[in-house]
Amino acid sequence: MSNKRDLKKDLNYVFGDIIDAALIWQMANPDADVTKSEEIIDESIKSFDELIAEANKRGVENAKAHFKGIRQSLEAKATELVTKINSL
């Protein structure tokens, strides 16, 4: 199992890449309405904040299960956001 630092790096990289993809879509489509891509960016930031707060929790009963749950949440949310970007 990886440590908390690696989990935080993964959160940062994954949500950073999703935000980059949304911004690249905006630059590639300057005439398109950007409200949906802005919503994706806002949702990415909100999800990042929530998952970082979960990762920073202290005194959890079962740390291994706690971090596994965070990783599963990350994967599910990232998949959802990438699907939204692909549908733009």
Protein backbone atom coordinates (compact mmCIF):
# COMPACT_ATOMS: atom_id res chain seq x y z
CA MET A 1 0.00 0.00 0.00
CA SER A 2 1.28 3.42 -0.84
CA ASN A 3 1.55 6.14 1.73
CA LYS A 4 -0.52 9.26 2.32
CA ARG A 5 1.94 11.45 0.42
CA ASP A 6 1.56 9.34 -2.73
CA LEU A 7 -2.22 9.45 -2.41
CA LYS A 8 -2.15 13.24 -2.20
CA LYS A 9 0.13 13.42 -5.25
CA ASP A 10 -2.24 11.16 -7.17
CA LEU A 11 -5.18 13.38 -6.26
CA ASN A 12 -3.27 16.44 -7.41
CA TYR A 13 -2.14 14.89 -10.69
CA VAL A 14 -5.49 13.36 -11.63
CA PHE A 15 -7.60 16.43 -10.95
CA GLY A 16 -4.91 18.68 -12.46
CA ASP A 17 -5.01 16.66 -15.67
CA ILE A 18 -8.80 16.85 -15.80
CA ILE A 19 -8.71 20.63 -15.36
CA ASP A 20 -6.01 20.87 -18.05
CA ALA A 21 -8.16 18.84 -20.43
CA ALA A 22 -11.13 21.14 -19.86
CA LEU A 23 -8.98 24.22 -20.44
CA ILE A 24 -7.47 22.73 -23.59
CA TRP A 25 -11.00 22.04 -24.86
CA GLN A 26 -11.85 25.70 -24.23
CA MET A 27 -8.81 26.85 -26.20
CA ALA A 28 -9.53 24.43 -29.04
CA ASN A 29 -13.15 25.59 -29.25
CA PRO A 30 -13.07 29.37 -28.73
CA ASP A 31 -16.53 29.92 -30.22
CA ALA A 32 -18.22 27.25 -28.08
CA ASP A 33 -20.14 27.92 -24.87
CA VAL A 34 -17.73 27.35 -21.98
CA THR A 35 -20.28 27.01 -19.19
CA LYS A 36 -20.17 23.19 -19.23
CA SER A 37 -16.39 23.07 -19.18
CA GLU A 38 -16.34 25.63 -16.35
CA GLU A 39 -18.75 23.41 -14.42
CA ILE A 40 -16.37 20.47 -14.92
CA ILE A 41 -13.49 22.57 -13.60
CA ASP A 42 -15.52 23.68 -10.58
CA GLU A 43 -16.60 20.11 -9.88
CA SER A 44 -12.98 18.94 -10.15
CA ILE A 45 -11.83 21.52 -7.62
CA LYS A 46 -14.69 20.66 -5.25
CA SER A 47 -13.95 16.93 -5.50
CA PHE A 48 -10.24 17.53 -4.96
CA ASP A 49 -10.95 19.56 -1.82
CA GLU A 50 -13.28 16.88 -0.45
CA LEU A 51 -10.87 14.01 -1.07
CA ILE A 52 -7.88 15.92 0.34
CA ALA A 53 -9.91 16.62 3.48
CA GLU A 54 -10.65 12.89 3.75
CA ALA A 55 -6.97 12.04 3.25
CA ASN A 56 -5.99 14.48 6.02
CA LYS A 57 -8.33 12.97 8.59
CA ARG A 58 -6.52 11.76 11.66
CA GLY A 59 -7.46 8.98 14.01
CA VAL A 60 -9.38 6.80 11.57
CA GLU A 61 -10.17 3.29 12.79
CA ASN A 62 -8.82 1.34 9.83
CA ALA A 63 -6.34 3.41 7.84
CA LYS A 64 -5.91 0.86 5.07
CA ALA A 65 -9.65 0.67 4.38
CA HIS A 66 -9.96 4.46 4.68
CA PHE A 67 -7.32 5.14 2.03
CA LYS A 68 -8.66 2.36 -0.20
CA GLY A 69 -12.04 4.07 -0.09
CA ILE A 70 -10.47 7.39 -1.04
CA ARG A 71 -8.71 5.76 -4.00
CA GLN A 72 -11.99 4.20 -5.14
CA SER A 73 -13.74 7.56 -4.85
CA LEU A 74 -10.94 9.16 -6.85
CA GLU A 75 -11.24 6.59 -9.61
CA ALA A 76 -15.04 6.90 -9.80
CA LYS A 77 -15.03 10.70 -9.81
CA ALA A 78 -12.19 10.91 -12.34
CA THR A 79 -14.00 8.52 -14.68
CA GLU A 80 -17.18 10.57 -14.37
CA LEU A 81 -15.39 13.86 -15.11
CA VAL A 82 -13.46 12.44 -18.06
CA THR A 83 -16.72 11.15 -19.52
CA LYS A 84 -18.18 14.66 -19.19
CA ILE A 85 -15.15 16.15 -20.94
CA ASN A 86 -15.42 13.62 -23.75
CA SER A 87 -19.06 14.50 -24.25
CA LEU A 88 -18.29 18.21 -24.78
